[in-house]
């Protein structure tokens, strides 16, 4: 979509067919598409639709069998927090997640559709314990911040560099965006 055209769900489905994808064409997915379109600026709307299509194609290539309807709704609504300008008490990602959850519940998708039961969580954690994950992950991420600081300009690893690595400075996300390999 160029930004001047009115996005239409049939366009997304046509791209899916062109990519030989079996995208879910249900009312809940159409409603999520409509809500994302209504609340998002054109550039952000294109991002969420691209993310849905890229994700569906990657899942197909990796022969994954996710709940395609739940994935579509989640991805289409994942940036509603950005579209809404965030909130004073929560990060925009949380605002988007909360909006997506509320949408799913209002469309009778079921509160536990995407969640694991306590028993399932316990079985997984028993088989694959965290093994001092907080400390191990902190050490790993600090190593990346120290040894490869230019790769931390656009992600949370910079926070570890700032907190734990003496002399670390965060590379600018502004410079990263301005040097991106696309013209617009």
N, C-alpha and C. Protein backbone atom coordinates (compact mmCIF):
# COMPACT_ATOMS: atom_id res chain seq x y z
N UNK A 1 0.84 -1.17 0.00
CA UNK A 1 0.00 0.00 0.00
C UNK A 1 0.89 1.24 0.00
N UNK A 2 0.59 2.18 -0.84
CA UNK A 2 1.39 3.39 -1.00
C UNK A 2 1.13 4.42 0.08
N UNK A 3 0.04 4.32 0.79
CA UNK A 3 -0.33 5.30 1.78
C UNK A 3 -1.49 6.15 1.30
N UNK A 4 -1.66 6.24 -0.02
CA UNK A 4 -2.78 7.02 -0.56
C UNK A 4 -3.98 6.13 -0.85
N UNK A 5 -3.76 4.82 -0.88
CA UNK A 5 -4.86 3.88 -1.15
C UNK A 5 -5.52 3.48 0.16
N UNK A 6 -6.79 3.15 0.11
CA UNK A 6 -7.51 2.65 1.27
C UNK A 6 -7.25 1.15 1.40
N UNK A 7 -6.58 0.72 2.49
CA UNK A 7 -6.29 -0.71 2.65
C UNK A 7 -7.58 -1.53 2.71
N UNK A 8 -7.55 -2.66 2.09
CA UNK A 8 -8.71 -3.54 2.05
C UNK A 8 -8.23 -4.95 2.39
N UNK A 9 -9.01 -5.65 3.21
CA UNK A 9 -8.62 -7.00 3.64
C UNK A 9 -8.39 -7.92 2.45
N UNK A 10 -9.15 -7.73 1.38
CA UNK A 10 -8.97 -8.59 0.20
C UNK A 10 -7.58 -8.42 -0.41
N UNK A 11 -6.97 -7.24 -0.24
CA UNK A 11 -5.60 -7.05 -0.73
C UNK A 11 -4.63 -7.96 0.00
N UNK A 12 -4.76 -8.02 1.32
CA UNK A 12 -3.88 -8.89 2.10
C UNK A 12 -4.09 -10.35 1.72
N UNK A 13 -5.33 -10.73 1.52
CA UNK A 13 -5.61 -12.12 1.14
C UNK A 13 -5.03 -12.42 -0.25
N UNK A 14 -5.08 -11.43 -1.16
CA UNK A 14 -4.52 -11.62 -2.50
C UNK A 14 -3.00 -11.81 -2.42
N UNK A 15 -2.34 -11.03 -1.58
CA UNK A 15 -0.89 -11.21 -1.41
C UNK A 15 -0.62 -12.60 -0.83
N UNK A 16 -1.44 -13.01 0.12
CA UNK A 16 -1.30 -14.36 0.68
C UNK A 16 -1.41 -15.44 -0.38
N UNK A 17 -2.39 -15.30 -1.25
CA UNK A 17 -2.54 -16.29 -2.34
C UNK A 17 -1.33 -16.25 -3.27
N UNK A 18 -0.84 -15.07 -3.57
CA UNK A 18 0.35 -14.94 -4.43
C UNK A 18 1.55 -15.64 -3.80
N UNK A 19 1.62 -15.61 -2.48
CA UNK A 19 2.71 -16.27 -1.75
C UNK A 19 2.40 -17.73 -1.43
N UNK A 20 1.25 -18.21 -1.91
CA UNK A 20 0.78 -19.57 -1.66
C UNK A 20 0.62 -19.85 -0.17
N UNK A 21 0.06 -18.85 0.54
CA UNK A 21 -0.21 -19.00 1.97
C UNK A 21 -1.69 -19.28 2.19
N UNK A 22 -1.98 -20.04 3.21
CA UNK A 22 -3.36 -20.28 3.61
C UNK A 22 -3.63 -19.40 4.84
N UNK A 23 -3.97 -18.15 4.59
CA UNK A 23 -4.25 -17.21 5.66
C UNK A 23 -5.67 -17.40 6.16
N UNK A 24 -5.89 -17.23 7.45
CA UNK A 24 -7.24 -17.37 7.98
C UNK A 24 -8.13 -16.22 7.53
N UNK A 25 -9.26 -16.55 6.98
CA UNK A 25 -10.22 -15.54 6.52
C UNK A 25 -11.47 -15.66 7.37
N UNK A 26 -11.35 -15.21 8.62
CA UNK A 26 -12.48 -15.30 9.55
C UNK A 26 -12.89 -13.89 9.95
N UNK A 27 -14.05 -13.79 10.56
CA UNK A 27 -14.55 -12.48 10.97
C UNK A 27 -13.62 -11.83 12.00
N UNK A 28 -13.07 -12.63 12.91
CA UNK A 28 -12.19 -12.05 13.93
C UNK A 28 -10.91 -11.49 13.30
N UNK A 29 -10.37 -12.15 12.29
CA UNK A 29 -9.18 -11.63 11.61
C UNK A 29 -9.54 -10.38 10.82
N UNK A 30 -10.68 -10.40 10.16
CA UNK A 30 -11.13 -9.20 9.43
C UNK A 30 -11.34 -8.03 10.40
N UNK A 31 -11.89 -8.30 11.57
CA UNK A 31 -12.10 -7.24 12.55
C UNK A 31 -10.78 -6.69 13.08
N UNK A 32 -9.81 -7.57 13.31
CA UNK A 32 -8.49 -7.12 13.76
C UNK A 32 -7.82 -6.25 12.69
N UNK A 33 -7.93 -6.68 11.44
CA UNK A 33 -7.38 -5.92 10.31
C UNK A 33 -8.04 -4.53 10.27
N UNK A 34 -9.34 -4.49 10.42
CA UNK A 34 -10.09 -3.23 10.38
C UNK A 34 -9.68 -2.32 11.54
N UNK A 35 -9.54 -2.90 12.73
CA UNK A 35 -9.16 -2.08 13.89
C UNK A 35 -7.73 -1.55 13.73
N UNK A 36 -6.81 -2.38 13.28
CA UNK A 36 -5.43 -1.92 13.07
C UNK A 36 -5.42 -0.79 12.04
N UNK A 37 -6.17 -0.95 10.97
CA UNK A 37 -6.26 0.08 9.93
C UNK A 37 -6.85 1.37 10.47
N UNK A 38 -7.89 1.26 11.27
CA UNK A 38 -8.58 2.44 11.79
C UNK A 38 -7.71 3.24 12.77
N UNK A 39 -6.89 2.54 13.56
CA UNK A 39 -6.13 3.22 14.61
C UNK A 39 -4.70 3.58 14.21
N UNK A 40 -4.19 2.99 13.15
CA UNK A 40 -2.77 3.16 12.81
C UNK A 40 -2.57 4.16 11.67
N UNK A 41 -1.46 4.84 11.74
CA UNK A 41 -1.02 5.64 10.60
C UNK A 41 -0.68 4.66 9.47
N UNK A 42 -0.73 5.09 8.21
CA UNK A 42 -0.48 4.17 7.10
C UNK A 42 0.85 3.42 7.19
N UNK A 43 1.92 4.09 7.59
CA UNK A 43 3.22 3.41 7.68
C UNK A 43 3.19 2.30 8.74
N UNK A 44 2.50 2.55 9.86
CA UNK A 44 2.42 1.56 10.93
C UNK A 44 1.49 0.42 10.53
N UNK A 45 0.40 0.75 9.86
CA UNK A 45 -0.51 -0.29 9.39
C UNK A 45 0.21 -1.21 8.41
N UNK A 46 0.95 -0.64 7.46
CA UNK A 46 1.70 -1.47 6.51
C UNK A 46 2.69 -2.37 7.24
N UNK A 47 3.31 -1.84 8.29
CA UNK A 47 4.26 -2.64 9.09
C UNK A 47 3.58 -3.86 9.70
N UNK A 48 2.40 -3.68 10.31
CA UNK A 48 1.76 -4.82 10.97
C UNK A 48 1.27 -5.85 9.96
N UNK A 49 0.79 -5.39 8.81
CA UNK A 49 0.35 -6.35 7.78
C UNK A 49 1.57 -7.07 7.21
N UNK A 50 2.66 -6.35 6.95
CA UNK A 50 3.89 -7.01 6.49
C UNK A 50 4.35 -8.05 7.51
N UNK A 51 4.30 -7.67 8.79
CA UNK A 51 4.73 -8.60 9.85
C UNK A 51 3.89 -9.86 9.84
N UNK A 52 2.58 -9.71 9.65
CA UNK A 52 1.69 -10.87 9.58
C UNK A 52 2.07 -11.76 8.40
N UNK A 53 2.25 -11.17 7.24
CA UNK A 53 2.57 -11.95 6.04
C UNK A 53 3.96 -12.59 6.14
N UNK A 54 4.95 -11.82 6.60
CA UNK A 54 6.29 -12.40 6.79
C UNK A 54 6.24 -13.56 7.78
N UNK A 55 5.54 -13.35 8.89
CA UNK A 55 5.44 -14.40 9.91
C UNK A 55 4.74 -15.64 9.39
N UNK A 56 3.67 -15.45 8.64
CA UNK A 56 2.96 -16.60 8.06
C UNK A 56 3.85 -17.36 7.10
N UNK A 57 4.62 -16.63 6.30
CA UNK A 57 5.51 -17.29 5.34
C UNK A 57 6.63 -18.04 6.06
N UNK A 58 7.19 -17.42 7.09
CA UNK A 58 8.24 -18.09 7.85
C UNK A 58 7.71 -19.35 8.54
N UNK A 59 6.52 -19.26 9.11
CA UNK A 59 5.92 -20.44 9.76
C UNK A 59 5.73 -21.56 8.75
N UNK A 60 5.28 -21.20 7.55
CA UNK A 60 5.08 -22.21 6.51
C UNK A 60 6.41 -22.86 6.12
N UNK A 61 7.43 -22.04 5.90
CA UNK A 61 8.74 -22.57 5.50
C UNK A 61 9.35 -23.47 6.56
N UNK A 62 9.07 -23.16 7.79
CA UNK A 62 9.61 -23.97 8.90
C UNK A 62 8.66 -25.08 9.30
N UNK A 63 7.62 -25.26 8.53
CA UNK A 63 6.57 -26.26 8.76
C UNK A 63 6.00 -26.20 10.18
N UNK A 64 5.84 -24.99 10.68
CA UNK A 64 5.22 -24.78 11.98
C UNK A 64 3.71 -24.76 11.79
N UNK A 65 2.99 -25.16 12.79
CA UNK A 65 1.53 -25.21 12.72
C UNK A 65 0.91 -24.41 13.87
N UNK A 66 1.14 -23.08 13.89
CA UNK A 66 0.54 -22.29 14.97
C UNK A 66 -0.95 -22.11 14.76
N UNK A 67 -1.60 -21.59 15.76
CA UNK A 67 -3.00 -21.20 15.65
C UNK A 67 -3.01 -19.96 14.75
N UNK A 68 -3.26 -20.14 13.47
CA UNK A 68 -3.11 -19.07 12.47
C UNK A 68 -4.03 -17.89 12.74
N UNK A 69 -5.20 -18.14 13.26
CA UNK A 69 -6.13 -17.06 13.56
C UNK A 69 -5.61 -16.23 14.73
N UNK A 70 -5.13 -16.89 15.78
CA UNK A 70 -4.60 -16.20 16.94
C UNK A 70 -3.34 -15.40 16.57
N UNK A 71 -2.48 -15.99 15.74
CA UNK A 71 -1.28 -15.29 15.28
C UNK A 71 -1.67 -14.06 14.47
N UNK A 72 -2.62 -14.20 13.56
CA UNK A 72 -3.05 -13.06 12.74
C UNK A 72 -3.55 -11.92 13.61
N UNK A 73 -4.42 -12.21 14.55
CA UNK A 73 -4.96 -11.18 15.43
C UNK A 73 -3.85 -10.54 16.25
N UNK A 74 -2.97 -11.35 16.81
CA UNK A 74 -1.88 -10.85 17.64
C UNK A 74 -0.95 -9.93 16.86
N UNK A 75 -0.56 -10.36 15.69
CA UNK A 75 0.39 -9.58 14.90
C UNK A 75 -0.27 -8.31 14.36
N UNK A 76 -1.49 -8.42 13.89
CA UNK A 76 -2.17 -7.23 13.36
C UNK A 76 -2.38 -6.16 14.43
N UNK A 77 -2.52 -6.57 15.68
CA UNK A 77 -2.80 -5.62 16.76
C UNK A 77 -1.59 -5.31 17.63
N UNK A 78 -0.43 -5.90 17.34
CA UNK A 78 0.70 -5.79 18.26
C UNK A 78 1.22 -4.38 18.46
N UNK A 79 1.00 -3.47 17.55
CA UNK A 79 1.50 -2.11 17.71
C UNK A 79 0.41 -1.08 17.98
N UNK A 80 -0.73 -1.51 18.51
CA UNK A 80 -1.75 -0.54 18.88
C UNK A 80 -1.25 0.42 19.95
N UNK A 81 -0.31 -0.02 20.76
CA UNK A 81 0.28 0.88 21.76
C UNK A 81 1.01 2.04 21.11
N UNK A 82 1.69 1.79 20.00
CA UNK A 82 2.32 2.88 19.25
C UNK A 82 1.25 3.76 18.61
N UNK A 83 0.27 3.12 18.00
CA UNK A 83 -0.80 3.87 17.32
C UNK A 83 -1.52 4.78 18.30
N UNK A 84 -1.64 4.35 19.54
CA UNK A 84 -2.37 5.13 20.55
C UNK A 84 -1.46 6.11 21.31
N UNK A 85 -0.19 6.13 20.95
CA UNK A 85 0.72 7.07 21.60
C UNK A 85 1.22 6.63 22.96
N UNK A 86 1.13 5.34 23.26
CA UNK A 86 1.61 4.83 24.54
C UNK A 86 0.67 5.19 25.68
N UNK A 87 1.21 5.12 26.90
CA UNK A 87 0.46 5.46 28.11
C UNK A 87 1.47 5.94 29.15
N UNK A 88 1.05 6.80 30.06
CA UNK A 88 2.01 7.33 31.04
C UNK A 88 2.55 6.28 32.01
N UNK A 89 1.83 5.20 32.20
CA UNK A 89 2.23 4.21 33.20
C UNK A 89 2.69 2.87 32.63
N UNK A 90 2.69 2.73 31.29
CA UNK A 90 3.08 1.45 30.69
C UNK A 90 3.81 1.69 29.38
N UNK A 91 4.75 0.78 29.05
CA UNK A 91 5.44 0.87 27.78
C UNK A 91 4.44 0.60 26.66
N UNK A 92 4.73 1.12 25.47
CA UNK A 92 3.79 0.96 24.36
C UNK A 92 3.55 -0.50 24.02
N UNK A 93 4.56 -1.37 24.23
CA UNK A 93 4.38 -2.79 23.93
C UNK A 93 3.30 -3.41 24.82
N UNK A 94 3.27 -2.98 26.08
CA UNK A 94 2.29 -3.50 27.03
C UNK A 94 0.89 -2.97 26.68
N UNK A 95 0.81 -1.70 26.29
CA UNK A 95 -0.47 -1.13 25.87
C UNK A 95 -1.01 -1.94 24.69
N UNK A 96 -0.14 -2.25 23.71
CA UNK A 96 -0.56 -3.03 22.56
C UNK A 96 -0.99 -4.45 22.94
N UNK A 97 -0.22 -5.08 23.82
CA UNK A 97 -0.57 -6.43 24.25
C UNK A 97 -1.91 -6.45 24.99
N UNK A 98 -2.11 -5.45 25.85
CA UNK A 98 -3.39 -5.37 26.57
C UNK A 98 -4.55 -5.14 25.62
N UNK A 99 -4.34 -4.28 24.62
CA UNK A 99 -5.40 -4.02 23.63
C UNK A 99 -5.70 -5.29 22.83
N UNK A 100 -4.67 -6.03 22.44
CA UNK A 100 -4.87 -7.27 21.70
C UNK A 100 -5.63 -8.30 22.52
N UNK A 101 -5.27 -8.40 23.81
CA UNK A 101 -5.95 -9.35 24.69
C UNK A 101 -7.42 -8.97 24.84
N UNK A 102 -7.69 -7.68 25.06
CA UNK A 102 -9.07 -7.23 25.20
C UNK A 102 -9.86 -7.51 23.92
N UNK A 103 -9.23 -7.28 22.78
CA UNK A 103 -9.88 -7.56 21.50
C UNK A 103 -10.22 -9.04 21.40
N UNK A 104 -9.24 -9.90 21.69
CA UNK A 104 -9.46 -11.35 21.59
C UNK A 104 -10.59 -11.80 22.50
N UNK A 105 -10.60 -11.30 23.73
CA UNK A 105 -11.67 -11.67 24.66
C UNK A 105 -13.02 -11.16 24.19
N UNK A 106 -13.06 -9.96 23.62
CA UNK A 106 -14.33 -9.41 23.15
C UNK A 106 -14.85 -10.15 21.92
N UNK A 107 -13.97 -10.91 21.28
CA UNK A 107 -14.37 -11.70 20.11
C UNK A 107 -14.43 -13.20 20.43
N UNK A 108 -14.59 -13.50 21.72
CA UNK A 108 -14.79 -14.87 22.19
C UNK A 108 -13.69 -15.83 21.77
N UNK A 109 -12.45 -15.33 21.73
CA UNK A 109 -11.34 -16.21 21.39
C UNK A 109 -10.93 -17.07 22.59
N UNK A 110 -11.43 -16.77 23.77
CA UNK A 110 -11.15 -17.57 24.94
C UNK A 110 -9.91 -17.10 25.66
N UNK A 111 -10.02 -16.94 26.96
CA UNK A 111 -8.93 -16.40 27.75
C UNK A 111 -7.69 -17.26 27.73
N UNK A 112 -7.84 -18.54 27.64
CA UNK A 112 -6.68 -19.44 27.71
C UNK A 112 -6.23 -19.98 26.35
N UNK A 113 -6.74 -19.46 25.27
CA UNK A 113 -6.42 -20.01 23.95
C UNK A 113 -4.92 -20.05 23.67
N UNK A 114 -4.20 -19.04 24.08
CA UNK A 114 -2.76 -18.97 23.80
C UNK A 114 -1.90 -19.22 25.03
N UNK A 115 -2.51 -19.53 26.15
CA UNK A 115 -1.74 -19.70 27.38
C UNK A 115 -1.52 -21.17 27.68
N UNK A 116 -0.44 -21.43 28.44
CA UNK A 116 -0.16 -22.79 28.91
C UNK A 116 -0.76 -22.97 30.29
N UNK A 117 -1.19 -24.19 30.60
CA UNK A 117 -1.68 -24.47 31.95
C UNK A 117 -0.50 -24.50 32.91
N UNK A 118 -0.81 -24.39 34.21
CA UNK A 118 0.25 -24.44 35.21
C UNK A 118 0.99 -25.77 35.15
N UNK A 119 0.28 -26.85 34.90
CA UNK A 119 0.91 -28.16 34.80
C UNK A 119 1.87 -28.25 33.63
N UNK A 120 1.46 -27.66 32.50
CA UNK A 120 2.33 -27.67 31.32
C UNK A 120 3.58 -26.83 31.57
N UNK A 121 3.40 -25.68 32.20
CA UNK A 121 4.55 -24.83 32.54
C UNK A 121 5.51 -25.58 33.46
N UNK A 122 4.96 -26.25 34.47
CA UNK A 122 5.79 -26.98 35.44
C UNK A 122 6.57 -28.10 34.75
N UNK A 123 5.92 -28.82 33.86
CA UNK A 123 6.60 -29.91 33.14
C UNK A 123 7.75 -29.38 32.29
N UNK A 124 7.52 -28.26 31.62
CA UNK A 124 8.56 -27.69 30.76
C UNK A 124 9.71 -27.18 31.62
N UNK A 125 9.40 -26.46 32.70
CA UNK A 125 10.46 -25.94 33.57
C UNK A 125 11.21 -27.06 34.28
N UNK A 126 10.54 -28.14 34.56
CA UNK A 126 11.22 -29.28 35.17
C UNK A 126 12.21 -29.92 34.20
N UNK A 127 11.81 -30.06 32.96
CA UNK A 127 12.68 -30.65 31.96
C UNK A 127 13.78 -29.70 31.51
N UNK A 128 13.47 -28.40 31.48
CA UNK A 128 14.42 -27.39 31.01
C UNK A 128 14.44 -26.22 31.99
N UNK A 129 15.13 -26.42 33.15
CA UNK A 129 15.16 -25.36 34.17
C UNK A 129 15.92 -24.12 33.69
N UNK A 130 15.72 -23.03 34.38
CA UNK A 130 16.31 -21.75 33.96
C UNK A 130 17.82 -21.68 34.16
N UNK A 131 18.39 -22.44 35.05
CA UNK A 131 19.84 -22.54 35.22
C UNK A 131 20.52 -21.18 35.40
N UNK A 132 20.11 -20.42 36.40
CA UNK A 132 20.71 -19.12 36.70
C UNK A 132 20.60 -18.17 35.51
N UNK A 133 19.47 -18.21 34.83
CA UNK A 133 19.28 -17.48 33.58
C UNK A 133 19.50 -15.98 33.72
N UNK A 134 19.01 -15.36 34.79
CA UNK A 134 19.16 -13.91 34.92
C UNK A 134 20.64 -13.51 34.88
N UNK A 135 21.45 -14.17 35.67
CA UNK A 135 22.88 -13.83 35.71
C UNK A 135 23.58 -14.21 34.42
N UNK A 136 23.26 -15.38 33.88
CA UNK A 136 23.90 -15.83 32.64
C UNK A 136 23.55 -14.91 31.47
N UNK A 137 22.28 -14.52 31.37
CA UNK A 137 21.86 -13.64 30.29
C UNK A 137 22.49 -12.25 30.45
N UNK A 138 22.56 -11.76 31.68
CA UNK A 138 23.20 -10.46 31.92
C UNK A 138 24.66 -10.50 31.46
N UNK A 139 25.39 -11.55 31.82
CA UNK A 139 26.79 -11.69 31.40
C UNK A 139 26.91 -11.75 29.88
N UNK A 140 26.04 -12.51 29.25
CA UNK A 140 26.06 -12.65 27.80
C UNK A 140 25.79 -11.31 27.11
N UNK A 141 24.75 -10.61 27.55
CA UNK A 141 24.38 -9.35 26.92
C UNK A 141 25.42 -8.26 27.17
N UNK A 142 26.03 -8.27 28.35
CA UNK A 142 27.12 -7.32 28.63
C UNK A 142 28.31 -7.59 27.72
N UNK A 143 28.58 -8.84 27.44
CA UNK A 143 29.66 -9.19 26.51
C UNK A 143 29.40 -8.64 25.12
N UNK A 144 28.17 -8.73 24.66
CA UNK A 144 27.82 -8.19 23.35
C UNK A 144 27.96 -6.66 23.36
N UNK A 145 27.47 -6.01 24.42
CA UNK A 145 27.57 -4.55 24.51
C UNK A 145 29.02 -4.10 24.52
N UNK A 146 29.87 -4.85 25.20
CA UNK A 146 31.29 -4.48 25.30
C UNK A 146 32.04 -4.76 23.99
N UNK A 147 31.81 -5.91 23.41
CA UNK A 147 32.59 -6.35 22.24
C UNK A 147 32.01 -5.90 20.90
N UNK A 148 30.72 -5.62 20.86
CA UNK A 148 30.06 -5.26 19.59
C UNK A 148 29.07 -4.11 19.82
N UNK A 149 29.53 -2.97 20.32
CA UNK A 149 28.59 -1.90 20.67
C UNK A 149 27.77 -1.38 19.50
N UNK A 150 28.27 -1.46 18.29
CA UNK A 150 27.50 -0.96 17.14
C UNK A 150 26.26 -1.79 16.87
N UNK A 151 26.20 -2.99 17.40
CA UNK A 151 25.00 -3.82 17.20
C UNK A 151 23.94 -3.56 18.26
N UNK A 152 24.21 -2.65 19.18
CA UNK A 152 23.28 -2.41 20.29
C UNK A 152 22.51 -1.10 20.15
N UNK A 153 22.66 -0.44 19.03
CA UNK A 153 22.07 0.90 18.88
C UNK A 153 20.55 0.89 18.85
N UNK A 154 19.94 -0.21 18.45
CA UNK A 154 18.49 -0.22 18.26
C UNK A 154 17.79 -1.30 19.08
N UNK A 155 18.41 -1.70 20.19
CA UNK A 155 17.78 -2.73 20.99
C UNK A 155 18.09 -2.57 22.47
N UNK A 156 17.51 -3.43 23.26
CA UNK A 156 17.61 -3.31 24.72
C UNK A 156 18.98 -3.66 25.27
N UNK A 157 19.86 -4.24 24.47
CA UNK A 157 21.19 -4.60 24.97
C UNK A 157 21.95 -3.36 25.42
N UNK A 158 21.67 -2.23 24.81
CA UNK A 158 22.31 -0.98 25.22
C UNK A 158 22.05 -0.69 26.70
N UNK A 159 20.89 -1.05 27.21
CA UNK A 159 20.59 -0.82 28.62
C UNK A 159 21.58 -1.56 29.51
N UNK A 160 21.98 -2.76 29.11
CA UNK A 160 22.96 -3.53 29.88
C UNK A 160 24.33 -2.87 29.80
N UNK A 161 24.67 -2.38 28.60
CA UNK A 161 25.93 -1.67 28.46
C UNK A 161 25.99 -0.43 29.33
N UNK A 162 24.92 0.35 29.32
CA UNK A 162 24.88 1.57 30.12
C UNK A 162 24.99 1.29 31.62
N UNK A 163 24.36 0.22 32.05
CA UNK A 163 24.34 -0.08 33.49
C UNK A 163 25.60 -0.79 33.99
N UNK A 164 26.19 -1.67 33.14
CA UNK A 164 27.25 -2.54 33.65
C UNK A 164 28.63 -2.36 33.00
N UNK A 165 28.73 -1.67 31.88
CA UNK A 165 30.01 -1.59 31.16
C UNK A 165 30.58 -0.17 31.31
N UNK A 166 31.68 -0.01 32.07
CA UNK A 166 32.27 1.32 32.22
C UNK A 166 32.67 1.90 30.86
N UNK A 167 32.30 3.14 30.61
CA UNK A 167 32.67 3.82 29.38
C UNK A 167 31.78 3.52 28.19
N UNK A 168 30.81 2.65 28.34
CA UNK A 168 29.92 2.33 27.22
C UNK A 168 29.06 3.54 26.88
N UNK A 169 28.90 3.80 25.60
CA UNK A 169 27.94 4.81 25.14
C UNK A 169 27.07 4.16 24.08
N UNK A 170 25.82 4.49 24.15
CA UNK A 170 24.85 3.89 23.23
C UNK A 170 24.96 4.54 21.86
N UNK A 171 25.17 3.73 20.82
CA UNK A 171 25.13 4.29 19.46
C UNK A 171 23.73 4.84 19.18
N UNK A 172 23.64 5.87 18.40
CA UNK A 172 22.39 6.57 18.16
C UNK A 172 21.45 5.81 17.22
N UNK A 173 20.21 5.65 17.67
CA UNK A 173 19.18 5.06 16.80
C UNK A 173 18.83 6.01 15.67
N UNK A 174 19.01 7.31 15.90
CA UNK A 174 18.76 8.29 14.84
C UNK A 174 19.72 8.05 13.68
N UNK A 175 21.01 7.86 13.99
CA UNK A 175 21.99 7.58 12.95
C UNK A 175 21.67 6.28 12.22
N UNK A 176 21.25 5.28 12.98
CA UNK A 176 20.89 4.00 12.40
C UNK A 176 19.76 4.16 11.38
N UNK A 177 18.72 4.90 11.77
CA UNK A 177 17.59 5.11 10.87
C UNK A 177 18.02 5.89 9.63
N UNK A 178 18.80 6.95 9.82
CA UNK A 178 19.21 7.78 8.69
C UNK A 178 20.11 7.02 7.71
N UNK A 179 20.84 6.03 8.19
CA UNK A 179 21.73 5.23 7.35
C UNK A 179 21.08 3.97 6.81
N UNK A 180 19.79 3.77 7.09
CA UNK A 180 19.08 2.57 6.62
C UNK A 180 19.15 2.48 5.10
N UNK A 181 19.17 1.26 4.56
CA UNK A 181 19.39 1.06 3.12
C UNK A 181 18.16 1.27 2.24
N UNK A 182 17.25 2.14 2.65
CA UNK A 182 16.12 2.46 1.79
C UNK A 182 15.99 3.98 1.69
N UNK A 183 15.43 4.45 0.58
CA UNK A 183 15.43 5.87 0.27
C UNK A 183 14.41 6.69 1.04
N UNK A 184 13.20 6.19 1.21
CA UNK A 184 12.14 7.01 1.80
C UNK A 184 12.26 7.17 3.29
